[in-house]
Amino acid sequence: MRPAAGAMALVEAATTVKIVTALRDVFALEFNSRRDLMMVVARIFCCR
């Protein structure tokens, strides 16, 4: 059971885009309270 040629590159590219997008969203947030940390965690791990 080997993936088709190029399949892993597509998966890696999609994962990289998701990670970069999540990091961009995190850096766009302004941290004003402890609650903000939980918002970051939710933004990264939920609803992607």
PDB file of N, CA and C in Angstrom:
ATOM      1  N   MET A   1       0.837  -1.185   0.000  1.00  0.00           N
ATOM      2  CA  MET A   1       0.000   0.000   0.000  1.00  0.00           C
ATOM      3  C   MET A   1       0.880   1.246   0.000  1.00  0.00           C
ATOM      4  N   ARG A   2       1.304   1.626  -1.138  1.00  0.00           N
ATOM      5  CA  ARG A   2       2.112   2.837  -1.282  1.00  0.00           C
ATOM      6  C   ARG A   2       1.251   3.939  -1.882  1.00  0.00           C
ATOM      7  N   PRO A   3       1.458   5.170  -1.424  1.00  0.00           N
ATOM      8  CA  PRO A   3       0.706   6.277  -2.023  1.00  0.00           C
ATOM      9  C   PRO A   3       1.162   6.512  -3.459  1.00  0.00           C
ATOM     10  N   ALA A   4       0.285   7.075  -4.222  1.00  0.00           N
ATOM     11  CA  ALA A   4       0.618   7.396  -5.607  1.00  0.00           C
ATOM     12  C   ALA A   4       1.733   8.441  -5.632  1.00  0.00           C
ATOM     13  N   ALA A   5       2.476   8.453  -6.713  1.00  0.00           N
ATOM     14  CA  ALA A   5       3.561   9.428  -6.862  1.00  0.00           C
ATOM     15  C   ALA A   5       2.999  10.842  -6.745  1.00  0.00           C
ATOM     16  N   GLY A   6       3.612  11.640  -5.907  1.00  0.00           N
ATOM     17  CA  GLY A   6       3.164  13.017  -5.718  1.00  0.00           C
ATOM     18  C   GLY A   6       2.096  13.194  -4.661  1.00  0.00           C
ATOM     19  N   ALA A   7       1.530  12.103  -4.167  1.00  0.00           N
ATOM     20  CA  ALA A   7       0.454  12.208  -3.178  1.00  0.00           C
ATOM     21  C   ALA A   7       0.963  12.813  -1.875  1.00  0.00           C
ATOM     22  N   MET A   8       2.116  12.385  -1.425  1.00  0.00           N
ATOM     23  CA  MET A   8       2.657  12.911  -0.176  1.00  0.00           C
ATOM     24  C   MET A   8       2.999  14.394  -0.304  1.00  0.00           C
ATOM     25  N   ALA A   9       3.473  14.794  -1.438  1.00  0.00           N
ATOM     26  CA  ALA A   9       3.795  16.208  -1.631  1.00  0.00           C
ATOM     27  C   ALA A   9       2.536  17.062  -1.499  1.00  0.00           C
ATOM     28  N   LEU A  10       1.412  16.578  -2.011  1.00  0.00           N
ATOM     29  CA  LEU A  10       0.157  17.316  -1.896  1.00  0.00           C
ATOM     30  C   LEU A  10      -0.295  17.402  -0.449  1.00  0.00           C
ATOM     31  N   VAL A  11      -0.170  16.303   0.282  1.00  0.00           N
ATOM     32  CA  VAL A  11      -0.556  16.296   1.698  1.00  0.00           C
ATOM     33  C   VAL A  11       0.335  17.245   2.483  1.00  0.00           C
ATOM     34  N   GLU A  12       1.630  17.190   2.240  1.00  0.00           N
ATOM     35  CA  GLU A  12       2.568  18.069   2.935  1.00  0.00           C
ATOM     36  C   GLU A  12       2.301  19.532   2.610  1.00  0.00           C
ATOM     37  N   ALA A  13       1.999  19.828   1.372  1.00  0.00           N
ATOM     38  CA  ALA A  13       1.714  21.208   0.980  1.00  0.00           C
ATOM     39  C   ALA A  13       0.455  21.713   1.667  1.00  0.00           C
ATOM     40  N   ALA A  14      -0.583  20.890   1.731  1.00  0.00           N
ATOM     41  CA  ALA A  14      -1.828  21.289   2.387  1.00  0.00           C
ATOM     42  C   ALA A  14      -1.605  21.504   3.877  1.00  0.00           C
ATOM     43  N   THR A  15      -0.813  20.641   4.490  1.00  0.00           N
ATOM     44  CA  THR A  15      -0.518  20.773   5.918  1.00  0.00           C
ATOM     45  C   THR A  15       0.274  22.039   6.185  1.00  0.00           C
ATOM     46  N   THR A  16       1.245  22.326   5.353  1.00  0.00           N
ATOM     47  CA  THR A  16       2.060  23.529   5.516  1.00  0.00           C
ATOM     48  C   THR A  16       1.199  24.783   5.421  1.00  0.00           C
ATOM     49  N   VAL A  17       0.285  24.818   4.474  1.00  0.00           N
ATOM     50  CA  VAL A  17      -0.601  25.975   4.326  1.00  0.00           C
ATOM     51  C   VAL A  17      -1.447  26.151   5.581  1.00  0.00           C
ATOM     52  N   LYS A  18      -1.962  25.059   6.134  1.00  0.00           N
ATOM     53  CA  LYS A  18      -2.782  25.147   7.349  1.00  0.00           C
ATOM     54  C   LYS A  18      -1.966  25.665   8.527  1.00  0.00           C
ATOM     55  N   ILE A  19      -0.743  25.195   8.654  1.00  0.00           N
ATOM     56  CA  ILE A  19       0.109  25.636   9.760  1.00  0.00           C
ATOM     57  C   ILE A  19       0.439  27.118   9.622  1.00  0.00           C
ATOM     58  N   VAL A  20       0.808  27.541   8.440  1.00  0.00           N
ATOM     59  CA  VAL A  20       1.153  28.948   8.216  1.00  0.00           C
ATOM     60  C   VAL A  20      -0.065  29.838   8.459  1.00  0.00           C
ATOM     61  N   THR A  21      -1.233  29.397   8.021  1.00  0.00           N
ATOM     62  CA  THR A  21      -2.455  30.166   8.245  1.00  0.00           C
ATOM     63  C   THR A  21      -2.765  30.283   9.730  1.00  0.00           C
ATOM     64  N   ALA A  22      -2.619  29.178  10.461  1.00  0.00           N
ATOM     65  CA  ALA A  22      -2.873  29.200  11.905  1.00  0.00           C
ATOM     66  C   ALA A  22      -1.905  30.139  12.611  1.00  0.00           C
ATOM     67  N   LEU A  23      -0.641  30.102  12.239  1.00  0.00           N
ATOM     68  CA  LEU A  23       0.343  30.993  12.854  1.00  0.00           C
ATOM     69  C   LEU A  23       0.048  32.456  12.539  1.00  0.00           C
ATOM     70  N   ARG A  24      -0.366  32.726  11.320  1.00  0.00           N
ATOM     71  CA  ARG A  24      -0.719  34.099  10.946  1.00  0.00           C
ATOM     72  C   ARG A  24      -1.889  34.595  11.794  1.00  0.00           C
ATOM     73  N   ASP A  25      -2.885  33.728  11.997  1.00  0.00           N
ATOM     74  CA  ASP A  25      -4.033  34.095  12.822  1.00  0.00           C
ATOM     75  C   ASP A  25      -3.621  34.362  14.263  1.00  0.00           C
ATOM     76  N   VAL A  26      -2.706  33.552  14.780  1.00  0.00           N
ATOM     77  CA  VAL A  26      -2.239  33.728  16.159  1.00  0.00           C
ATOM     78  C   VAL A  26      -1.510  35.061  16.311  1.00  0.00           C
ATOM     79  N   PHE A  27      -0.635  35.375  15.391  1.00  0.00           N
ATOM     80  CA  PHE A  27       0.129  36.616  15.493  1.00  0.00           C
ATOM     81  C   PHE A  27      -0.747  37.850  15.289  1.00  0.00           C
ATOM     82  N   ALA A  28      -1.907  37.682  14.666  1.00  0.00           N
ATOM     83  CA  ALA A  28      -2.819  38.803  14.455  1.00  0.00           C
ATOM     84  C   ALA A  28      -3.607  39.146  15.719  1.00  0.00           C
ATOM     85  N   LEU A  29      -3.660  38.218  16.673  1.00  0.00           N
ATOM     86  CA  LEU A  29      -4.410  38.455  17.904  1.00  0.00           C
ATOM     87  C   LEU A  29      -3.651  39.384  18.842  1.00  0.00           C
ATOM     88  N   GLU A  30      -4.400  40.164  19.571  1.00  0.00           N
ATOM     89  CA  GLU A  30      -3.814  40.995  20.621  1.00  0.00           C
ATOM     90  C   GLU A  30      -4.094  40.312  21.951  1.00  0.00           C
ATOM     91  N   PHE A  31      -3.062  40.048  22.716  1.00  0.00           N
ATOM     92  CA  PHE A  31      -3.215  39.380  23.999  1.00  0.00           C
ATOM     93  C   PHE A  31      -3.464  40.417  25.088  1.00  0.00           C
ATOM     94  N   ASN A  32      -4.678  40.403  25.631  1.00  0.00           N
ATOM     95  CA  ASN A  32      -5.038  41.341  26.686  1.00  0.00           C
ATOM     96  C   ASN A  32      -5.408  40.644  27.988  1.00  0.00           C
ATOM     97  N   SER A  33      -5.670  39.355  27.927  1.00  0.00           N
ATOM     98  CA  SER A  33      -6.075  38.636  29.135  1.00  0.00           C
ATOM     99  C   SER A  33      -5.694  37.166  29.006  1.00  0.00           C
ATOM    100  N   ARG A  34      -5.887  36.427  30.098  1.00  0.00           N
ATOM    101  CA  ARG A  34      -5.598  34.994  30.070  1.00  0.00           C
ATOM    102  C   ARG A  34      -6.520  34.264  29.102  1.00  0.00           C
ATOM    103  N   ARG A  35      -7.706  34.778  28.931  1.00  0.00           N
ATOM    104  CA  ARG A  35      -8.678  34.160  28.027  1.00  0.00           C
ATOM    105  C   ARG A  35      -8.149  34.117  26.590  1.00  0.00           C
ATOM    106  N   ASP A  36      -7.330  35.058  26.235  1.00  0.00           N
ATOM    107  CA  ASP A  36      -6.794  35.118  24.877  1.00  0.00           C
ATOM    108  C   ASP A  36      -5.989  33.871  24.522  1.00  0.00           C
ATOM    109  N   LEU A  37      -5.295  33.301  25.499  1.00  0.00           N
ATOM    110  CA  LEU A  37      -4.535  32.081  25.242  1.00  0.00           C
ATOM    111  C   LEU A  37      -5.465  30.946  24.832  1.00  0.00           C
ATOM    112  N   MET A  38      -6.602  30.825  25.503  1.00  0.00           N
ATOM    113  CA  MET A  38      -7.573  29.786  25.155  1.00  0.00           C
ATOM    114  C   MET A  38      -8.165  30.040  23.771  1.00  0.00           C
ATOM    115  N   MET A  39      -8.326  31.292  23.412  1.00  0.00           N
ATOM    116  CA  MET A  39      -8.825  31.619  22.080  1.00  0.00           C
ATOM    117  C   MET A  39      -7.831  31.175  21.011  1.00  0.00           C
ATOM    118  N   VAL A  40      -6.550  31.327  21.294  1.00  0.00           N
ATOM    119  CA  VAL A  40      -5.516  30.887  20.360  1.00  0.00           C
ATOM    120  C   VAL A  40      -5.569  29.376  20.192  1.00  0.00           C
ATOM    121  N   VAL A  41      -5.669  28.664  21.302  1.00  0.00           N
ATOM    122  CA  VAL A  41      -5.736  27.201  21.239  1.00  0.00           C
ATOM    123  C   VAL A  41      -6.951  26.774  20.426  1.00  0.00           C
ATOM    124  N   ALA A  42      -8.088  27.391  20.667  1.00  0.00           N
ATOM    125  CA  ALA A  42      -9.300  27.054  19.921  1.00  0.00           C
ATOM    126  C   ALA A  42      -9.134  27.356  18.437  1.00  0.00           C
ATOM    127  N   ARG A  43      -8.499  28.464  18.136  1.00  0.00           N
ATOM    128  CA  ARG A  43      -8.330  28.850  16.736  1.00  0.00           C
ATOM    129  C   ARG A  43      -7.409  27.880  15.997  1.00  0.00           C
ATOM    130  N   ILE A  44      -6.407  27.353  16.691  1.00  0.00           N
ATOM    131  CA  ILE A  44      -5.469  26.436  16.052  1.00  0.00           C
ATOM    132  C   ILE A  44      -6.068  25.047  15.883  1.00  0.00           C
ATOM    133  N   PHE A  45      -6.717  24.532  16.929  1.00  0.00           N
ATOM    134  CA  PHE A  45      -7.122  23.132  16.930  1.00  0.00           C
ATOM    135  C   PHE A  45      -8.576  22.884  16.587  1.00  0.00           C
ATOM    136  N   CYS A  46      -9.355  23.907  16.470  1.00  0.00           N
ATOM    137  CA  CYS A  46     -10.782  23.707  16.251  1.00  0.00           C
ATOM    138  C   CYS A  46     -11.221  24.396  14.953  1.00  0.00           C
ATOM    139  N   CYS A  47     -12.141  23.781  14.284  1.00  0.00           N
ATOM    140  CA  CYS A  47     -12.799  24.410  13.128  1.00  0.00           C
ATOM    141  C   CYS A  47     -11.828  24.795  12.023  1.00  0.00           C
ATOM    142  N   ARG A  48     -10.897  23.964  11.715  1.00  0.00           N
ATOM    143  CA  ARG A  48      -9.974  24.210  10.610  1.00  0.00           C
ATOM    144  C   ARG A  48     -10.408  23.429   9.422  1.00  0.00           C
TER     145      ARG A  48
END
